[in-house]
Every structure is written in structure tokens, then in C-alpha cells.
C-alpha atoms as a PDB file:
ATOM      1  CA  UNK A   1      25.803 -50.614  11.736  1.00  0.00           C
ATOM      2  CA  UNK A   2      23.092 -53.304  10.819  1.00  0.00           C
ATOM      3  CA  UNK A   3      22.966 -53.906  14.682  1.00  0.00           C
ATOM      4  CA  UNK A   4      22.131 -50.461  15.568  1.00  0.00           C
ATOM      5  CA  UNK A   5      19.720 -50.262  12.449  1.00  0.00           C
ATOM      6  CA  UNK A   6      18.069 -53.681  13.875  1.00  0.00           C
ATOM      7  CA  UNK A   7      17.659 -52.331  17.364  1.00  0.00           C
ATOM      8  CA  UNK A   8      16.143 -49.048  16.172  1.00  0.00           C
ATOM      9  CA  UNK A   9      13.557 -50.801  13.696  1.00  0.00           C
ATOM     10  CA  UNK A  10      12.690 -53.058  16.624  1.00  0.00           C
ATOM     11  CA  UNK A  11      12.144 -50.009  19.072  1.00  0.00           C
ATOM     12  CA  UNK A  12      10.048 -48.330  16.511  1.00  0.00           C
ATOM     13  CA  UNK A  13       7.789 -51.383  16.001  1.00  0.00           C
ATOM     14  CA  UNK A  14       7.163 -51.771  19.564  1.00  0.00           C
ATOM     15  CA  UNK A  15       6.378 -48.110  20.063  1.00  0.00           C
ATOM     16  CA  UNK A  16       3.828 -48.279  17.150  1.00  0.00           C
ATOM     17  CA  UNK A  17       2.230 -51.459  18.306  1.00  0.00           C
ATOM     18  CA  UNK A  18       1.951 -49.910  21.797  1.00  0.00           C
ATOM     19  CA  UNK A  19       0.182 -46.757  20.397  1.00  0.00           C
ATOM     20  CA  UNK A  20      -2.199 -48.949  18.222  1.00  0.00           C
ATOM     21  CA  UNK A  21      -3.122 -51.016  21.300  1.00  0.00           C
ATOM     22  CA  UNK A  22      -3.947 -47.909  23.419  1.00  0.00           C
ATOM     23  CA  UNK A  23      -5.953 -46.288  20.679  1.00  0.00           C
ATOM     24  CA  UNK A  24      -8.822 -49.100  20.485  1.00  0.00           C
ATOM     25  CA  UNK A  25      -9.025 -48.982  24.586  1.00  0.00           C
ATOM     26  CA  UNK A  26     -12.306 -47.001  24.669  1.00  0.00           C
ATOM     27  CA  UNK A  27     -15.161 -48.944  26.042  1.00  0.00           C
ATOM     28  CA  UNK A  28     -18.742 -48.225  25.707  1.00  0.00           C
ATOM     29  CA  UNK A  29     -21.262 -48.549  28.390  1.00  0.00           C
ATOM     30  CA  UNK A  30     -23.461 -51.438  28.414  1.00  0.00           C
ATOM     31  CA  UNK A  31     -27.220 -51.003  27.646  1.00  0.00           C
ATOM     32  CA  UNK A  32     -29.513 -51.760  30.386  1.00  0.00           C
ATOM     33  CA  UNK A  33     -32.442 -54.180  29.637  1.00  0.00           C
ATOM     34  CA  UNK A  34     -35.826 -52.940  30.826  1.00  0.00           C
ATOM     35  CA  UNK A  35     -36.013 -54.989  34.012  1.00  0.00           C
ATOM     36  CA  UNK A  36     -32.343 -53.557  34.967  1.00  0.00           C
ATOM     37  CA  UNK A  37     -33.636 -50.063  34.264  1.00  0.00           C
ATOM     38  CA  UNK A  38     -36.481 -50.415  36.473  1.00  0.00           C
ATOM     39  CA  UNK A  39     -34.654 -52.065  39.154  1.00  0.00           C
ATOM     40  CA  UNK A  40     -32.163 -49.049  39.064  1.00  0.00           C
ATOM     41  CA  UNK A  41     -34.883 -46.516  39.337  1.00  0.00           C
ATOM     42  CA  UNK A  42     -36.482 -48.211  42.283  1.00  0.00           C
ATOM     43  CA  UNK A  43     -33.084 -48.295  44.072  1.00  0.00           C
ATOM     44  CA  UNK A  44     -32.541 -44.615  43.442  1.00  0.00           C
ATOM     45  CA  UNK A  45     -35.952 -43.786  44.878  1.00  0.00           C
ATOM     46  CA  UNK A  46     -35.439 -45.932  47.905  1.00  0.00           C
ATOM     47  CA  UNK A  47     -32.023 -44.614  48.804  1.00  0.00           C
ATOM     48  CA  UNK A  48     -32.090 -41.189  50.476  1.00  0.00           C
ATOM     49  CA  UNK A  49     -30.461 -38.299  48.463  1.00  0.00           C
ATOM     50  CA  UNK A  50     -27.041 -37.041  49.727  1.00  0.00           C
ATOM     51  CA  UNK A  51     -27.007 -33.662  51.493  1.00  0.00           C
ATOM     52  CA  UNK A  52     -25.350 -30.978  49.468  1.00  0.00           C
ATOM     53  CA  UNK A  53     -22.246 -30.046  51.161  1.00  0.00           C
ATOM     54  CA  UNK A  54     -21.854 -26.161  51.663  1.00  0.00           C
ATOM     55  CA  UNK A  55     -19.675 -24.170  49.321  1.00  0.00           C
ATOM     56  CA  UNK A  56     -17.851 -22.589  52.328  1.00  0.00           C
ATOM     57  CA  UNK A  57     -16.702 -26.066  53.522  1.00  0.00           C
ATOM     58  CA  UNK A  58     -15.611 -27.151  50.230  1.00  0.00           C
ATOM     59  CA  UNK A  59     -13.528 -24.018  49.408  1.00  0.00           C
ATOM     60  CA  UNK A  60     -11.854 -24.315  52.886  1.00  0.00           C
ATOM     61  CA  UNK A  61     -11.110 -27.836  52.323  1.00  0.00           C
ATOM     62  CA  UNK A  62      -9.437 -27.073  48.943  1.00  0.00           C
ATOM     63  CA  UNK A  63      -7.567 -24.035  50.055  1.00  0.00           C
ATOM     64  CA  UNK A  64      -3.939 -23.588  49.546  1.00  0.00           C
ATOM     65  CA  UNK A  65      -3.071 -23.483  53.232  1.00  0.00           C
ATOM     66  CA  UNK A  66      -4.667 -26.718  53.824  1.00  0.00           C
ATOM     67  CA  UNK A  67      -2.847 -28.117  51.063  1.00  0.00           C
ATOM     68  CA  UNK A  68       0.471 -26.964  52.246  1.00  0.00           C
ATOM     69  CA  UNK A  69      -0.233 -28.389  55.732  1.00  0.00           C
ATOM     70  CA  UNK A  70       0.147 -32.000  54.113  1.00  0.00           C
END
């Protein structure tokens, strides 16, 4: 009986430890320094904007018949 009890105790400890490790996994975004912010702004202005894809094209691409074809 003690073997089973020890096994159950070990399993619960590992499960709890795994859960605690995953809770603290949220990461924050790094703050940009003023020079980095300016560089990013310039890059954004230099790079041409993406063209907006028509709604008709996206709905056709996501249609059920297309998904069934794969």
C-alpha cells in the first residue's frame, strides 16, 4: 500500500510543479529606447504598405469546399 501511496504522492507533486512553472510563463514586451523607437518609425515610413486583400478573395480561400479539397 505504501508503494502506491508514494507513487500517487510523487505524481501529484510533479503535476503541481508543472502547473506552477507554466503559470509564471507570461513575458512582457521590452520597452524601446528613444533611438530604437525612432529607427522603427523610419523603417515603417520607408517600407511600402501592404495592399489590402479583397474580402471576396479571403472568403473564397477560407471556404468549406476549399478546406475539404486538402
